[in-house]
Amino acid sequence: AEHEIQKELMKNLRQDHNNMKVKVKQNAGV
């Protein structure tokens, strides 16, 4: 079960990281 939780956490972290990159790109483009 813990392994599944870790996978979910990693997935969420990756999504957050991608969202941050997108925001930085948008800010740089403005």
PDB file of N, CA and C in Angstrom:
ATOM      1  N   ALA A   1       0.836  -1.203   0.000  1.00  0.00           N
ATOM      2  CA  ALA A   1       0.000   0.000   0.000  1.00  0.00           C
ATOM      3  C   ALA A   1       0.872   1.253   0.000  1.00  0.00           C
ATOM      4  N   GLU A   2       1.925   1.218   0.806  1.00  0.00           N
ATOM      5  CA  GLU A   2       2.788   2.404   0.877  1.00  0.00           C
ATOM      6  C   GLU A   2       3.399   2.702  -0.488  1.00  0.00           C
ATOM      7  N   HIS A   3       3.708   1.646  -1.218  1.00  0.00           N
ATOM      8  CA  HIS A   3       4.307   1.843  -2.536  1.00  0.00           C
ATOM      9  C   HIS A   3       3.345   2.617  -3.435  1.00  0.00           C
ATOM     10  N   GLU A   4       2.060   2.279  -3.342  1.00  0.00           N
ATOM     11  CA  GLU A   4       1.062   2.986  -4.154  1.00  0.00           C
ATOM     12  C   GLU A   4       1.004   4.451  -3.762  1.00  0.00           C
ATOM     13  N   ILE A   5       1.068   4.711  -2.453  1.00  0.00           N
ATOM     14  CA  ILE A   5       1.012   6.101  -1.981  1.00  0.00           C
ATOM     15  C   ILE A   5       2.202   6.867  -2.544  1.00  0.00           C
ATOM     16  N   GLN A   6       3.373   6.246  -2.514  1.00  0.00           N
ATOM     17  CA  GLN A   6       4.567   6.935  -3.027  1.00  0.00           C
ATOM     18  C   GLN A   6       4.416   7.238  -4.511  1.00  0.00           C
ATOM     19  N   LYS A   7       3.838   6.292  -5.255  1.00  0.00           N
ATOM     20  CA  LYS A   7       3.643   6.537  -6.689  1.00  0.00           C
ATOM     21  C   LYS A   7       2.728   7.734  -6.898  1.00  0.00           C
ATOM     22  N   GLU A   8       1.660   7.813  -6.089  1.00  0.00           N
ATOM     23  CA  GLU A   8       0.732   8.941  -6.206  1.00  0.00           C
ATOM     24  C   GLU A   8       1.449  10.244  -5.888  1.00  0.00           C
ATOM     25  N   LEU A   9       2.267  10.233  -4.830  1.00  0.00           N
ATOM     26  CA  LEU A   9       2.988  11.447  -4.446  1.00  0.00           C
ATOM     27  C   LEU A   9       3.914  11.874  -5.575  1.00  0.00           C
ATOM     28  N   MET A  10       4.636  10.935  -6.144  1.00  0.00           N
ATOM     29  CA  MET A  10       5.566  11.271  -7.226  1.00  0.00           C
ATOM     30  C   MET A  10       4.805  11.841  -8.415  1.00  0.00           C
ATOM     31  N   LYS A  11       3.649  11.258  -8.709  1.00  0.00           N
ATOM     32  CA  LYS A  11       2.848  11.750  -9.832  1.00  0.00           C
ATOM     33  C   LYS A  11       2.416  13.187  -9.564  1.00  0.00           C
ATOM     34  N   ASN A  12       1.967  13.443  -8.340  1.00  0.00           N
ATOM     35  CA  ASN A  12       1.527  14.796  -7.997  1.00  0.00           C
ATOM     36  C   ASN A  12       2.693  15.767  -8.062  1.00  0.00           C
ATOM     37  N   LEU A  13       3.855  15.335  -7.583  1.00  0.00           N
ATOM     38  CA  LEU A  13       5.030  16.210  -7.609  1.00  0.00           C
ATOM     39  C   LEU A  13       5.373  16.552  -9.050  1.00  0.00           C
ATOM     40  N   ARG A  14       5.325  15.548  -9.921  1.00  0.00           N
ATOM     41  CA  ARG A  14       5.673  15.787 -11.317  1.00  0.00           C
ATOM     42  C   ARG A  14       4.680  16.762 -11.939  1.00  0.00           C
ATOM     43  N   GLN A  15       3.393  16.606 -11.608  1.00  0.00           N
ATOM     44  CA  GLN A  15       2.382  17.516 -12.154  1.00  0.00           C
ATOM     45  C   GLN A  15       2.636  18.934 -11.670  1.00  0.00           C
ATOM     46  N   ASP A  16       2.955  19.075 -10.370  1.00  0.00           N
ATOM     47  CA  ASP A  16       3.234  20.408  -9.828  1.00  0.00           C
ATOM     48  C   ASP A  16       4.419  21.015 -10.553  1.00  0.00           C
ATOM     49  N   HIS A  17       5.449  20.203 -10.784  1.00  0.00           N
ATOM     50  CA  HIS A  17       6.657  20.692 -11.443  1.00  0.00           C
ATOM     51  C   HIS A  17       6.323  21.167 -12.859  1.00  0.00           C
ATOM     52  N   ASN A  18       5.526  20.380 -13.568  1.00  0.00           N
ATOM     53  CA  ASN A  18       5.145  20.768 -14.930  1.00  0.00           C
ATOM     54  C   ASN A  18       4.318  22.045 -14.910  1.00  0.00           C
ATOM     55  N   ASN A  19       3.418  22.164 -13.942  1.00  0.00           N
ATOM     56  CA  ASN A  19       2.591  23.370 -13.851  1.00  0.00           C
ATOM     57  C   ASN A  19       3.468  24.588 -13.603  1.00  0.00           C
ATOM     58  N   MET A  20       4.477  24.432 -12.758  1.00  0.00           N
ATOM     59  CA  MET A  20       5.374  25.559 -12.466  1.00  0.00           C
ATOM     60  C   MET A  20       6.118  25.968 -13.732  1.00  0.00           C
ATOM     61  N   LYS A  21       6.586  24.977 -14.489  1.00  0.00           N
ATOM     62  CA  LYS A  21       7.323  25.292 -15.722  1.00  0.00           C
ATOM     63  C   LYS A  21       6.419  26.049 -16.689  1.00  0.00           C
ATOM     64  N   VAL A  22       5.169  25.627 -16.798  1.00  0.00           N
ATOM     65  CA  VAL A  22       4.226  26.289 -17.706  1.00  0.00           C
ATOM     66  C   VAL A  22       4.019  27.726 -17.258  1.00  0.00           C
ATOM     67  N   LYS A  23       3.855  27.931 -15.950  1.00  0.00           N
ATOM     68  CA  LYS A  23       3.639  29.288 -15.442  1.00  0.00           C
ATOM     69  C   LYS A  23       4.851  30.154 -15.730  1.00  0.00           C
ATOM     70  N   VAL A  24       6.037  29.612 -15.541  1.00  0.00           N
ATOM     71  CA  VAL A  24       7.261  30.384 -15.791  1.00  0.00           C
ATOM     72  C   VAL A  24       7.316  30.765 -17.264  1.00  0.00           C
ATOM     73  N   LYS A  25       6.976  29.831 -18.139  1.00  0.00           N
ATOM     74  CA  LYS A  25       6.992  30.117 -19.581  1.00  0.00           C
ATOM     75  C   LYS A  25       5.999  31.227 -19.893  1.00  0.00           C
ATOM     76  N   GLN A  26       4.801  31.148 -19.308  1.00  0.00           N
ATOM     77  CA  GLN A  26       3.778  32.167 -19.568  1.00  0.00           C
ATOM     78  C   GLN A  26       4.261  33.523 -19.078  1.00  0.00           C
ATOM     79  N   ASN A  27       4.869  33.547 -17.885  1.00  0.00           N
ATOM     80  CA  ASN A  27       5.349  34.816 -17.339  1.00  0.00           C
ATOM     81  C   ASN A  27       6.461  35.379 -18.219  1.00  0.00           C
ATOM     82  N   ALA A  28       7.336  34.510 -18.708  1.00  0.00           N
ATOM     83  CA  ALA A  28       8.446  34.964 -19.537  1.00  0.00           C
ATOM     84  C   ALA A  28       7.917  35.485 -20.870  1.00  0.00           C
ATOM     85  N   GLY A  29       6.820  34.901 -21.343  1.00  0.00           N
ATOM     86  CA  GLY A  29       6.271  35.308 -22.630  1.00  0.00           C
ATOM     87  C   GLY A  29       5.564  36.653 -22.565  1.00  0.00           C
ATOM     88  N   VAL A  30       5.117  37.028 -21.385  1.00  0.00           N
ATOM     89  CA  VAL A  30       4.367  38.295 -21.260  1.00  0.00           C
ATOM     90  C   VAL A  30       5.310  39.476 -21.363  1.00  0.00           C
TER      91      VAL A  30
END
